[in-house]
Amino acid sequence: MKKFQNHLIGVDHGDLLLFSDFENGGVMWNSVGDRQICAYVEFSECFNNIPIVHVNLSMWDIASHTNARVDVRAEKISKDGFIIVFQTWGDTMIARVRVAWQAIGELPQTDEWEL
């Protein structure tokens, strides 16, 4: 469990279209096997320390004649941002994906300073 130590808690969030591969013949739509797409998300403000980040699919358009195999996660979380990692495998055909994210953490207090 993450415990916050100050009263300034920030919540940042967003929704990001990761890809739309059916429009341009991209690898998520026209290939098979292990495939991965990564996107960097920068927070609107820097957190005081590493926040908790949650990601989820907010839209996906996938072929009905193949198995639905997806994994979405946040990696390399820092005070400034993180990387959304989306991957699939096998014969899964994904036309497009949008990912929603939310970060919750401590914000710097105005009276904090370093020597």
PDB file of N, CA and C in Angstrom:
ATOM      1  N   MET A   1       0.837  -1.175   0.000  1.00  0.00           N
ATOM      2  CA  MET A   1       0.000   0.000   0.000  1.00  0.00           C
ATOM      3  C   MET A   1       0.882   1.237   0.000  1.00  0.00           C
ATOM      4  N   LYS A   2       0.525   2.179  -0.815  1.00  0.00           N
ATOM      5  CA  LYS A   2       1.237   3.458  -0.864  1.00  0.00           C
ATOM      6  C   LYS A   2       0.624   4.389   0.170  1.00  0.00           C
ATOM      7  N   LYS A   3       1.461   4.974   1.019  1.00  0.00           N
ATOM      8  CA  LYS A   3       0.996   5.940   2.018  1.00  0.00           C
ATOM      9  C   LYS A   3       1.563   7.305   1.668  1.00  0.00           C
ATOM     10  N   PHE A   4       0.689   8.307   1.622  1.00  0.00           N
ATOM     11  CA  PHE A   4       1.095   9.663   1.289  1.00  0.00           C
ATOM     12  C   PHE A   4       1.441  10.405   2.572  1.00  0.00           C
ATOM     13  N   GLN A   5       2.470  11.271   2.501  1.00  0.00           N
ATOM     14  CA  GLN A   5       2.959  11.931   3.691  1.00  0.00           C
ATOM     15  C   GLN A   5       2.683  13.428   3.717  1.00  0.00           C
ATOM     16  N   ASN A   6       1.983  13.947   2.737  1.00  0.00           N
ATOM     17  CA  ASN A   6       1.605  15.355   2.814  1.00  0.00           C
ATOM     18  C   ASN A   6       0.182  15.533   2.303  1.00  0.00           C
ATOM     19  N   HIS A   7      -0.347  16.703   2.474  1.00  0.00           N
ATOM     20  CA  HIS A   7      -1.743  16.950   2.118  1.00  0.00           C
ATOM     21  C   HIS A   7      -1.932  17.374   0.664  1.00  0.00           C
ATOM     22  N   LEU A   8      -0.865  17.599  -0.071  1.00  0.00           N
ATOM     23  CA  LEU A   8      -0.980  17.987  -1.476  1.00  0.00           C
ATOM     24  C   LEU A   8      -0.913  16.739  -2.361  1.00  0.00           C
ATOM     25  N   ILE A   9      -2.070  16.223  -2.713  1.00  0.00           N
ATOM     26  CA  ILE A   9      -2.161  15.029  -3.535  1.00  0.00           C
ATOM     27  C   ILE A   9      -2.648  15.454  -4.917  1.00  0.00           C
ATOM     28  N   GLY A  10      -1.941  15.012  -5.931  1.00  0.00           N
ATOM     29  CA  GLY A  10      -2.311  15.335  -7.308  1.00  0.00           C
ATOM     30  C   GLY A  10      -2.873  14.126  -8.025  1.00  0.00           C
ATOM     31  N   VAL A  11      -3.851  14.373  -8.882  1.00  0.00           N
ATOM     32  CA  VAL A  11      -4.422  13.339  -9.744  1.00  0.00           C
ATOM     33  C   VAL A  11      -4.334  13.868 -11.173  1.00  0.00           C
ATOM     34  N   ASP A  12      -3.582  13.185 -12.010  1.00  0.00           N
ATOM     35  CA  ASP A  12      -3.459  13.544 -13.416  1.00  0.00           C
ATOM     36  C   ASP A  12      -4.070  12.394 -14.218  1.00  0.00           C
ATOM     37  N   HIS A  13      -4.603  12.680 -15.398  1.00  0.00           N
ATOM     38  CA  HIS A  13      -5.222  11.621 -16.185  1.00  0.00           C
ATOM     39  C   HIS A  13      -5.248  12.018 -17.651  1.00  0.00           C
ATOM     40  N   GLY A  14      -5.485  11.027 -18.483  1.00  0.00           N
ATOM     41  CA  GLY A  14      -5.562  11.286 -19.907  1.00  0.00           C
ATOM     42  C   GLY A  14      -6.085  10.081 -20.664  1.00  0.00           C
ATOM     43  N   ASP A  15      -6.242  10.254 -21.954  1.00  0.00           N
ATOM     44  CA  ASP A  15      -6.744   9.235 -22.864  1.00  0.00           C
ATOM     45  C   ASP A  15      -5.921   9.369 -24.139  1.00  0.00           C
ATOM     46  N   LEU A  16      -5.267   8.313 -24.568  1.00  0.00           N
ATOM     47  CA  LEU A  16      -4.312   8.386 -25.664  1.00  0.00           C
ATOM     48  C   LEU A  16      -4.621   7.336 -26.722  1.00  0.00           C
ATOM     49  N   LEU A  17      -4.832   7.769 -27.969  1.00  0.00           N
ATOM     50  CA  LEU A  17      -4.959   6.826 -29.073  1.00  0.00           C
ATOM     51  C   LEU A  17      -3.560   6.307 -29.381  1.00  0.00           C
ATOM     52  N   LEU A  18      -3.322   5.032 -29.110  1.00  0.00           N
ATOM     53  CA  LEU A  18      -1.985   4.463 -29.314  1.00  0.00           C
ATOM     54  C   LEU A  18      -1.695   4.194 -30.788  1.00  0.00           C
ATOM     55  N   PHE A  19      -2.659   3.636 -31.477  1.00  0.00           N
ATOM     56  CA  PHE A  19      -2.451   3.357 -32.896  1.00  0.00           C
ATOM     57  C   PHE A  19      -3.794   3.142 -33.581  1.00  0.00           C
ATOM     58  N   SER A  20      -3.764   3.261 -34.903  1.00  0.00           N
ATOM     59  CA  SER A  20      -4.911   2.988 -35.756  1.00  0.00           C
ATOM     60  C   SER A  20      -4.373   2.282 -36.993  1.00  0.00           C
ATOM     61  N   ASP A  21      -3.955   1.035 -36.816  1.00  0.00           N
ATOM     62  CA  ASP A  21      -3.197   0.311 -37.842  1.00  0.00           C
ATOM     63  C   ASP A  21      -4.013  -0.180 -39.028  1.00  0.00           C
ATOM     64  N   PHE A  22      -5.317  -0.277 -38.900  1.00  0.00           N
ATOM     65  CA  PHE A  22      -6.105  -0.723 -40.051  1.00  0.00           C
ATOM     66  C   PHE A  22      -6.103   0.328 -41.154  1.00  0.00           C
ATOM     67  N   GLU A  23      -5.882   1.594 -40.798  1.00  0.00           N
ATOM     68  CA  GLU A  23      -5.890   2.675 -41.786  1.00  0.00           C
ATOM     69  C   GLU A  23      -4.638   2.685 -42.654  1.00  0.00           C
ATOM     70  N   ASN A  24      -3.510   2.266 -42.066  1.00  0.00           N
ATOM     71  CA  ASN A  24      -2.246   2.366 -42.808  1.00  0.00           C
ATOM     72  C   ASN A  24      -1.526   1.032 -42.968  1.00  0.00           C
ATOM     73  N   GLY A  25      -2.197  -0.071 -42.691  1.00  0.00           N
ATOM     74  CA  GLY A  25      -1.580  -1.383 -42.872  1.00  0.00           C
ATOM     75  C   GLY A  25      -0.497  -1.680 -41.860  1.00  0.00           C
ATOM     76  N   GLY A  26      -0.633  -1.169 -40.650  1.00  0.00           N
ATOM     77  CA  GLY A  26       0.384  -1.344 -39.612  1.00  0.00           C
ATOM     78  C   GLY A  26       0.487  -2.762 -39.080  1.00  0.00           C
ATOM     79  N   VAL A  27       1.523  -2.989 -38.276  1.00  0.00           N
ATOM     80  CA  VAL A  27       1.855  -4.338 -37.811  1.00  0.00           C
ATOM     81  C   VAL A  27       0.807  -4.953 -36.895  1.00  0.00           C
ATOM     82  N   MET A  28       0.086  -4.158 -36.137  1.00  0.00           N
ATOM     83  CA  MET A  28      -0.925  -4.730 -35.244  1.00  0.00           C
ATOM     84  C   MET A  28      -2.102  -5.316 -36.028  1.00  0.00           C
ATOM     85  N   TRP A  29      -2.317  -4.816 -37.239  1.00  0.00           N
ATOM     86  CA  TRP A  29      -3.420  -5.289 -38.071  1.00  0.00           C
ATOM     87  C   TRP A  29      -2.969  -6.328 -39.095  1.00  0.00           C
ATOM     88  N   ASN A  30      -1.758  -6.202 -39.624  1.00  0.00           N
ATOM     89  CA  ASN A  30      -1.329  -7.050 -40.746  1.00  0.00           C
ATOM     90  C   ASN A  30      -0.238  -8.061 -40.430  1.00  0.00           C
ATOM     91  N   SER A  31       0.184  -8.191 -39.185  1.00  0.00           N
ATOM     92  CA  SER A  31       1.256  -9.125 -38.857  1.00  0.00           C
ATOM     93  C   SER A  31       0.761 -10.154 -37.852  1.00  0.00           C
ATOM     94  N   VAL A  32       1.595 -11.153 -37.608  1.00  0.00           N
ATOM     95  CA  VAL A  32       1.322 -12.161 -36.580  1.00  0.00           C
ATOM     96  C   VAL A  32       2.557 -12.282 -35.690  1.00  0.00           C
ATOM     97  N   GLY A  33       2.392 -12.953 -34.569  1.00  0.00           N
ATOM     98  CA  GLY A  33       3.493 -13.127 -33.639  1.00  0.00           C
ATOM     99  C   GLY A  33       3.525 -12.021 -32.593  1.00  0.00           C
ATOM    100  N   ASP A  34       4.630 -11.945 -31.866  1.00  0.00           N
ATOM    101  CA  ASP A  34       4.776 -10.944 -30.811  1.00  0.00           C
ATOM    102  C   ASP A  34       4.909  -9.554 -31.416  1.00  0.00           C
ATOM    103  N   ARG A  35       4.064  -8.631 -30.950  1.00  0.00           N
ATOM    104  CA  ARG A  35       4.099  -7.245 -31.397  1.00  0.00           C
ATOM    105  C   ARG A  35       3.894  -6.330 -30.201  1.00  0.00           C
ATOM    106  N   GLN A  36       4.552  -5.185 -30.231  1.00  0.00           N
ATOM    107  CA  GLN A  36       4.482  -4.260 -29.101  1.00  0.00           C
ATOM    108  C   GLN A  36       4.545  -2.815 -29.577  1.00  0.00           C
ATOM    109  N   ILE A  37       3.763  -1.962 -28.917  1.00  0.00           N
ATOM    110  CA  ILE A  37       3.799  -0.516 -29.177  1.00  0.00           C
ATOM    111  C   ILE A  37       3.957   0.178 -27.832  1.00  0.00           C
ATOM    112  N   CYS A  38       4.857   1.163 -27.776  1.00  0.00           N
ATOM    113  CA  CYS A  38       5.099   1.925 -26.553  1.00  0.00           C
ATOM    114  C   CYS A  38       4.873   3.406 -26.829  1.00  0.00           C
ATOM    115  N   ALA A  39       4.391   4.117 -25.808  1.00  0.00           N
ATOM    116  CA  ALA A  39       4.188   5.560 -25.935  1.00  0.00           C
ATOM    117  C   ALA A  39       4.533   6.214 -24.605  1.00  0.00           C
ATOM    118  N   TYR A  40       5.294   7.305 -24.672  1.00  0.00           N
ATOM    119  CA  TYR A  40       5.660   8.042 -23.466  1.00  0.00           C
ATOM    120  C   TYR A  40       4.557   9.039 -23.120  1.00  0.00           C
ATOM    121  N   VAL A  41       4.201   9.088 -21.846  1.00  0.00           N
ATOM    122  CA  VAL A  41       3.221  10.048 -21.334  1.00  0.00           C
ATOM    123  C   VAL A  41       3.935  10.944 -20.335  1.00  0.00           C
ATOM    124  N   GLU A  42       3.856  12.258 -20.557  1.00  0.00           N
ATOM    125  CA  GLU A  42       4.437  13.219 -19.625  1.00  0.00           C
ATOM    126  C   GLU A  42       3.324  13.812 -18.772  1.00  0.00           C
ATOM    127  N   PHE A  43       3.522  13.818 -17.452  1.00  0.00           N
ATOM    128  CA  PHE A  43       2.529  14.391 -16.552  1.00  0.00           C
ATOM    129  C   PHE A  43       2.440  15.901 -16.748  1.00  0.00           C
ATOM    130  N   SER A  44       1.284  16.470 -16.440  1.00  0.00           N
ATOM    131  CA  SER A  44       1.105  17.915 -16.587  1.00  0.00           C
ATOM    132  C   SER A  44       1.924  18.693 -15.560  1.00  0.00           C
ATOM    133  N   GLU A  45       2.229  18.064 -14.420  1.00  0.00           N
ATOM    134  CA  GLU A  45       3.131  18.618 -13.410  1.00  0.00           C
ATOM    135  C   GLU A  45       3.981  17.488 -12.871  1.00  0.00           C
ATOM    136  N   CYS A  46       5.143  17.823 -12.387  1.00  0.00           N
ATOM    137  CA  CYS A  46       6.036  16.828 -11.796  1.00  0.00           C
ATOM    138  C   CYS A  46       5.527  16.466 -10.395  1.00  0.00           C
ATOM    139  N   PHE A  47       5.466  15.181 -10.098  1.00  0.00           N
ATOM    140  CA  PHE A  47       5.103  14.732  -8.754  1.00  0.00           C
ATOM    141  C   PHE A  47       6.307  14.860  -7.827  1.00  0.00           C
ATOM    142  N   ASN A  48       6.060  14.846  -6.525  1.00  0.00           N
ATOM    143  CA  ASN A  48       7.124  14.939  -5.527  1.00  0.00           C
ATOM    144  C   ASN A  48       7.950  13.651  -5.480  1.00  0.00           C
ATOM    145  N   ASN A  49       7.289  12.521  -5.675  1.00  0.00           N
ATOM    146  CA  ASN A  49       7.963  11.226  -5.802  1.00  0.00           C
ATOM    147  C   ASN A  49       7.142  10.371  -6.770  1.00  0.00           C
ATOM    148  N   ILE A  50       7.540   9.157  -6.977  1.00  0.00           N
ATOM    149  CA  ILE A  50       6.910   8.320  -8.003  1.00  0.00           C
ATOM    150  C   ILE A  50       5.444   8.049  -7.640  1.00  0.00           C
ATOM    151  N   PRO A  51       4.518   8.407  -8.537  1.00  0.00           N
ATOM    152  CA  PRO A  51       3.088   8.220  -8.258  1.00  0.00           C
ATOM    153  C   PRO A  51       2.622   6.794  -8.560  1.00  0.00           C
ATOM    154  N   ILE A  52       1.413   6.513  -8.168  1.00  0.00           N
ATOM    155  CA  ILE A  52       0.738   5.287  -8.567  1.00  0.00           C
ATOM    156  C   ILE A  52       0.102   5.564  -9.930  1.00  0.00           C
ATOM    157  N   VAL A  53       0.296   4.675 -10.893  1.00  0.00           N
ATOM    158  CA  VAL A  53      -0.258   4.858 -12.238  1.00  0.00           C
ATOM    159  C   VAL A  53      -1.121   3.650 -12.591  1.00  0.00           C
ATOM    160  N   HIS A  54      -2.299   3.943 -13.102  1.00  0.00           N
ATOM    161  CA  HIS A  54      -3.231   2.907 -13.552  1.00  0.00           C
ATOM    162  C   HIS A  54      -3.518   3.142 -15.033  1.00  0.00           C
ATOM    163  N   VAL A  55      -3.452   2.081 -15.828  1.00  0.00           N
ATOM    164  CA  VAL A  55      -3.805   2.171 -17.253  1.00  0.00           C
ATOM    165  C   VAL A  55      -4.884   1.135 -17.565  1.00  0.00           C
ATOM    166  N   ASN A  56      -5.740   1.471 -18.528  1.00  0.00           N
ATOM    167  CA  ASN A  56      -6.761   0.526 -18.981  1.00  0.00           C
ATOM    168  C   ASN A  56      -7.160   0.844 -20.419  1.00  0.00           C
ATOM    169  N   LEU A  57      -7.698  -0.150 -21.084  1.00  0.00           N
ATOM    170  CA  LEU A  57      -8.189   0.047 -22.442  1.00  0.00           C
ATOM    171  C   LEU A  57      -9.484   0.850 -22.375  1.00  0.00           C
ATOM    172  N   SER A  58      -9.534   1.973 -23.089  1.00  0.00           N
ATOM    173  CA  SER A  58     -10.766   2.750 -23.145  1.00  0.00           C
ATOM    174  C   SER A  58     -11.477   2.535 -24.486  1.00  0.00           C
ATOM    175  N   MET A  59     -10.780   1.953 -25.460  1.00  0.00           N
ATOM    176  CA  MET A  59     -11.388   1.575 -26.729  1.00  0.00           C
ATOM    177  C   MET A  59     -10.468   0.579 -27.412  1.00  0.00           C
ATOM    178  N   TRP A  60     -11.039  -0.462 -27.954  1.00  0.00           N
ATOM    179  CA  TRP A  60     -10.264  -1.362 -28.802  1.00  0.00           C
ATOM    180  C   TRP A  60     -11.160  -1.888 -29.898  1.00  0.00           C
ATOM    181  N   ASP A  61     -10.570  -1.998 -31.061  1.00  0.00           N
ATOM    182  CA  ASP A  61     -11.246  -2.465 -32.264  1.00  0.00           C
ATOM    183  C   ASP A  61     -10.431  -3.652 -32.745  1.00  0.00           C
ATOM    184  N   ILE A  62     -11.012  -4.837 -32.632  1.00  0.00           N
ATOM    185  CA  ILE A  62     -10.253  -6.063 -32.875  1.00  0.00           C
ATOM    186  C   ILE A  62     -11.031  -6.979 -33.810  1.00  0.00           C
ATOM    187  N   ALA A  63     -10.319  -7.715 -34.649  1.00  0.00           N
ATOM    188  CA  ALA A  63     -10.955  -8.638 -35.591  1.00  0.00           C
ATOM    189  C   ALA A  63     -11.686  -9.741 -34.824  1.00  0.00           C
ATOM    190  N   SER A  64     -12.857 -10.121 -35.305  1.00  0.00           N
ATOM    191  CA  SER A  64     -13.665 -11.133 -34.612  1.00  0.00           C
ATOM    192  C   SER A  64     -13.273 -12.570 -34.967  1.00  0.00           C
ATOM    193  N   HIS A  65     -12.513 -12.764 -36.021  1.00  0.00           N
ATOM    194  CA  HIS A  65     -12.168 -14.116 -36.440  1.00  0.00           C
ATOM    195  C   HIS A  65     -10.832 -14.611 -35.866  1.00  0.00           C
ATOM    196  N   THR A  66     -10.195 -13.821 -35.013  1.00  0.00           N
ATOM    197  CA  THR A  66      -8.963 -14.254 -34.338  1.00  0.00           C
ATOM    198  C   THR A  66      -9.153 -14.140 -32.830  1.00  0.00           C
ATOM    199  N   ASN A  67      -8.256 -14.769 -32.084  1.00  0.00           N
ATOM    200  CA  ASN A  67      -8.317 -14.682 -30.624  1.00  0.00           C
ATOM    201  C   ASN A  67      -7.954 -13.284 -30.155  1.00  0.00           C
ATOM    202  N   ALA A  68      -8.598 -12.841 -29.087  1.00  0.00           N
ATOM    203  CA  ALA A  68      -8.308 -11.533 -28.488  1.00  0.00           C
ATOM    204  C   ALA A  68      -7.225 -11.713 -27.424  1.00  0.00           C
ATOM    205  N   ARG A  69      -6.010 -11.278 -27.754  1.00  0.00           N
ATOM    206  CA  ARG A  69      -4.878 -11.387 -26.825  1.00  0.00           C
ATOM    207  C   ARG A  69      -4.265  -9.998 -26.677  1.00  0.00           C
ATOM    208  N   VAL A  70      -4.374  -9.413 -25.493  1.00  0.00           N
ATOM    209  CA  VAL A  70      -3.802  -8.088 -25.276  1.00  0.00           C
ATOM    210  C   VAL A  70      -3.221  -7.993 -23.875  1.00  0.00           C
ATOM    211  N   ASP A  71      -2.220  -7.156 -23.765  1.00  0.00           N
ATOM    212  CA  ASP A  71      -1.607  -6.819 -22.482  1.00  0.00           C
ATOM    213  C   ASP A  71      -1.300  -5.331 -22.534  1.00  0.00           C
ATOM    214  N   VAL A  72      -1.772  -4.573 -21.540  1.00  0.00           N
ATOM    215  CA  VAL A  72      -1.471  -3.147 -21.456  1.00  0.00           C
ATOM    216  C   VAL A  72      -0.992  -2.864 -20.039  1.00  0.00           C
ATOM    217  N   ARG A  73       0.097  -2.075 -19.950  1.00  0.00           N
ATOM    218  CA  ARG A  73       0.680  -1.807 -18.632  1.00  0.00           C
ATOM    219  C   ARG A  73       1.480  -0.504 -18.657  1.00  0.00           C
ATOM    220  N   ALA A  74       1.776  -0.008 -17.452  1.00  0.00           N
ATOM    221  CA  ALA A  74       2.634   1.169 -17.282  1.00  0.00           C
ATOM    222  C   ALA A  74       4.013   0.684 -16.860  1.00  0.00           C
ATOM    223  N   GLU A  75       5.046   1.216 -17.500  1.00  0.00           N
ATOM    224  CA  GLU A  75       6.429   0.860 -17.159  1.00  0.00           C
ATOM    225  C   GLU A  75       7.261   2.129 -17.008  1.00  0.00           C
ATOM    226  N   LYS A  76       8.402   1.993 -16.353  1.00  0.00           N
ATOM    227  CA  LYS A  76       9.368   3.076 -16.175  1.00  0.00           C
ATOM    228  C   LYS A  76       8.693   4.352 -15.644  1.00  0.00           C
ATOM    229  N   ILE A  77       7.916   4.180 -14.600  1.00  0.00           N
ATOM    230  CA  ILE A  77       7.205   5.305 -13.990  1.00  0.00           C
ATOM    231  C   ILE A  77       8.212   6.173 -13.246  1.00  0.00           C
ATOM    232  N   SER A  78       8.144   7.482 -13.484  1.00  0.00           N
ATOM    233  CA  SER A  78       9.011   8.434 -12.798  1.00  0.00           C
ATOM    234  C   SER A  78       8.154   9.575 -12.274  1.00  0.00           C
ATOM    235  N   LYS A  79       8.792  10.568 -11.676  1.00  0.00           N
ATOM    236  CA  LYS A  79       8.077  11.753 -11.197  1.00  0.00           C
ATOM    237  C   LYS A  79       7.494  12.568 -12.347  1.00  0.00           C
ATOM    238  N   ASP A  80       8.083  12.418 -13.541  1.00  0.00           N
ATOM    239  CA  ASP A  80       7.715  13.232 -14.708  1.00  0.00           C
ATOM    240  C   ASP A  80       6.758  12.555 -15.679  1.00  0.00           C
ATOM    241  N   GLY A  81       6.743  11.217 -15.700  1.00  0.00           N
ATOM    242  CA  GLY A  81       5.925  10.520 -16.680  1.00  0.00           C
ATOM    243  C   GLY A  81       6.128   9.024 -16.619  1.00  0.00           C
ATOM    244  N   PHE A  82       5.660   8.336 -17.644  1.00  0.00           N
ATOM    245  CA  PHE A  82       5.771   6.880 -17.703  1.00  0.00           C
ATOM    246  C   PHE A  82       5.589   6.431 -19.152  1.00  0.00           C
ATOM    247  N   ILE A  83       5.785   5.144 -19.369  1.00  0.00           N
ATOM    248  CA  ILE A  83       5.609   4.566 -20.699  1.00  0.00           C
ATOM    249  C   ILE A  83       4.431   3.600 -20.673  1.00  0.00           C
ATOM    250  N   ILE A  84       3.489   3.801 -21.609  1.00  0.00           N
ATOM    251  CA  ILE A  84       2.413   2.837 -21.822  1.00  0.00           C
ATOM    252  C   ILE A  84       2.956   1.768 -22.759  1.00  0.00           C
ATOM    253  N   VAL A  85       2.820   0.510 -22.355  1.00  0.00           N
ATOM    254  CA  VAL A  85       3.250  -0.613 -23.188  1.00  0.00           C
ATOM    255  C   VAL A  85       2.008  -1.436 -23.529  1.00  0.00           C
ATOM    256  N   PHE A  86       1.786  -1.609 -24.826  1.00  0.00           N
ATOM    257  CA  PHE A  86       0.676  -2.433 -25.312  1.00  0.00           C
ATOM    258  C   PHE A  86       1.281  -3.538 -26.151  1.00  0.00           C
ATOM    259  N   GLN A  87       0.846  -4.783 -25.909  1.00  0.00           N
ATOM    260  CA  GLN A  87       1.360  -5.853 -26.745  1.00  0.00           C
ATOM    261  C   GLN A  87       0.304  -6.914 -26.998  1.00  0.00           C
ATOM    262  N   THR A  88       0.548  -7.643 -28.082  1.00  0.00           N
ATOM    263  CA  THR A  88      -0.283  -8.775 -28.456  1.00  0.00           C
ATOM    264  C   THR A  88       0.619  -9.850 -29.036  1.00  0.00           C
ATOM    265  N   TRP A  89       0.050 -10.991 -29.356  1.00  0.00           N
ATOM    266  CA  TRP A  89       0.830 -12.113 -29.871  1.00  0.00           C
ATOM    267  C   TRP A  89      -0.090 -13.039 -30.653  1.00  0.00           C
ATOM    268  N   GLY A  90       0.506 -14.056 -31.259  1.00  0.00           N
ATOM    269  CA  GLY A  90      -0.261 -15.014 -32.043  1.00  0.00           C
ATOM    270  C   GLY A  90      -0.862 -14.377 -33.280  1.00  0.00           C
ATOM    271  N   ASP A  91      -2.085 -14.805 -33.616  1.00  0.00           N
ATOM    272  CA  ASP A  91      -2.738 -14.319 -34.840  1.00  0.00           C
ATOM    273  C   ASP A  91      -3.687 -13.147 -34.586  1.00  0.00           C
ATOM    274  N   THR A  92      -3.668 -12.578 -33.406  1.00  0.00           N
ATOM    275  CA  THR A  92      -4.571 -11.481 -33.056  1.00  0.00           C
ATOM    276  C   THR A  92      -4.393 -10.309 -34.010  1.00  0.00           C
ATOM    277  N   MET A  93      -5.518  -9.792 -34.495  1.00  0.00           N
ATOM    278  CA  MET A  93      -5.511  -8.639 -35.404  1.00  0.00           C
ATOM    279  C   MET A  93      -6.207  -7.476 -34.698  1.00  0.00           C
ATOM    280  N   ILE A  94      -5.462  -6.411 -34.421  1.00  0.00           N
ATOM    281  CA  ILE A  94      -6.011  -5.263 -33.716  1.00  0.00           C
ATOM    282  C   ILE A  94      -5.971  -4.051 -34.645  1.00  0.00           C
ATOM    283  N   ALA A  95      -7.143  -3.480 -34.883  1.00  0.00           N
ATOM    284  CA  ALA A  95      -7.251  -2.330 -35.782  1.00  0.00           C
ATOM    285  C   ALA A  95      -6.805  -1.045 -35.100  1.00  0.00           C
ATOM    286  N   ARG A  96      -7.289  -0.827 -33.872  1.00  0.00           N
ATOM    287  CA  ARG A  96      -6.907   0.395 -33.154  1.00  0.00           C
ATOM    288  C   ARG A  96      -7.151   0.218 -31.659  1.00  0.00           C
ATOM    289  N   VAL A  97      -6.423   1.023 -30.890  1.00  0.00           N
ATOM    290  CA  VAL A  97      -6.495   0.960 -29.431  1.00  0.00           C
ATOM    291  C   VAL A  97      -6.342   2.357 -28.855  1.00  0.00           C
ATOM    292  N   ARG A  98      -7.170   2.651 -27.853  1.00  0.00           N
ATOM    293  CA  ARG A  98      -7.024   3.867 -27.059  1.00  0.00           C
ATOM    294  C   ARG A  98      -6.871   3.431 -25.605  1.00  0.00           C
ATOM    295  N   VAL A  99      -5.951   4.086 -24.887  1.00  0.00           N
ATOM    296  CA  VAL A  99      -5.657   3.740 -23.497  1.00  0.00           C
ATOM    297  C   VAL A  99      -5.922   4.946 -22.606  1.00  0.00           C
ATOM    298  N   ALA A 100      -6.668   4.725 -21.531  1.00  0.00           N
ATOM    299  CA  ALA A 100      -6.878   5.747 -20.509  1.00  0.00           C
ATOM    300  C   ALA A 100      -5.878   5.502 -19.386  1.00  0.00           C
ATOM    301  N   TRP A 101      -5.446   6.587 -18.752  1.00  0.00           N
ATOM    302  CA  TRP A 101      -4.484   6.449 -17.658  1.00  0.00           C
ATOM    303  C   TRP A 101      -4.812   7.446 -16.549  1.00  0.00           C
ATOM    304  N   GLN A 102      -4.357   7.101 -15.338  1.00  0.00           N
ATOM    305  CA  GLN A 102      -4.532   7.984 -14.191  1.00  0.00           C
ATOM    306  C   GLN A 102      -3.317   7.814 -13.276  1.00  0.00           C
ATOM    307  N   ALA A 103      -2.787   8.940 -12.815  1.00  0.00           N
ATOM    308  CA  ALA A 103      -1.656   8.952 -11.886  1.00  0.00           C
ATOM    309  C   ALA A 103      -2.071   9.689 -10.615  1.00  0.00           C
ATOM    310  N   ILE A 104      -1.742   9.104  -9.471  1.00  0.00           N
ATOM    311  CA  ILE A 104      -2.079   9.704  -8.175  1.00  0.00           C
ATOM    312  C   ILE A 104      -0.817   9.707  -7.326  1.00  0.00           C
ATOM    313  N   GLY A 105      -0.483  10.881  -6.781  1.00  0.00           N
ATOM    314  CA  GLY A 105       0.709  10.958  -5.944  1.00  0.00           C
ATOM    315  C   GLY A 105       0.855  12.292  -5.254  1.00  0.00           C
ATOM    316  N   GLU A 106       1.894  12.387  -4.443  1.00  0.00           N
ATOM    317  CA  GLU A 106       2.177  13.618  -3.707  1.00  0.00           C
ATOM    318  C   GLU A 106       2.729  14.683  -4.640  1.00  0.00           C
ATOM    319  N   LEU A 107       2.293  15.911  -4.409  1.00  0.00           N
ATOM    320  CA  LEU A 107       2.838  17.069  -5.120  1.00  0.00           C
ATOM    321  C   LEU A 107       3.811  17.796  -4.193  1.00  0.00           C
ATOM    322  N   PRO A 108       4.771  18.509  -4.757  1.00  0.00           N
ATOM    323  CA  PRO A 108       5.683  19.280  -3.907  1.00  0.00           C
ATOM    324  C   PRO A 108       4.913  20.363  -3.141  1.00  0.00           C
ATOM    325  N   GLN A 109       5.265  20.561  -1.886  1.00  0.00           N
ATOM    326  CA  GLN A 109       4.656  21.619  -1.104  1.00  0.00           C
ATOM    327  C   GLN A 109       5.392  22.924  -1.397  1.00  0.00           C
ATOM    328  N   THR A 110       4.698  24.023  -1.346  1.00  0.00           N
ATOM    329  CA  THR A 110       5.294  25.302  -1.711  1.00  0.00           C
ATOM    330  C   THR A 110       6.410  25.713  -0.756  1.00  0.00           C
ATOM    331  N   ASP A 111       6.388  25.229   0.482  1.00  0.00           N
ATOM    332  CA  ASP A 111       7.426  25.625   1.442  1.00  0.00           C
ATOM    333  C   ASP A 111       8.583  24.620   1.491  1.00  0.00           C
ATOM    334  N   GLU A 112       8.610  23.622   0.577  1.00  0.00           N
ATOM    335  CA  GLU A 112       9.719  22.674   0.527  1.00  0.00           C
ATOM    336  C   GLU A 112      10.893  23.314  -0.201  1.00  0.00           C
ATOM    337  N   TRP A 113      12.093  23.027   0.276  1.00  0.00           N
ATOM    338  CA  TRP A 113      13.291  23.490  -0.413  1.00  0.00           C
ATOM    339  C   TRP A 113      14.450  22.573  -0.047  1.00  0.00           C
ATOM    340  N   GLU A 114      15.447  22.552  -0.914  1.00  0.00           N
ATOM    341  CA  GLU A 114      16.636  21.735  -0.696  1.00  0.00           C
ATOM    342  C   GLU A 114      17.854  22.607  -0.540  1.00  0.00           C
ATOM    343  N   LEU A 115      18.796  22.145   0.259  1.00  0.00           N
ATOM    344  CA  LEU A 115      20.055  22.859   0.428  1.00  0.00           C
ATOM    345  C   LEU A 115      21.031  22.476  -0.649  1.00  0.00           C
TER     346      LEU A 115
END
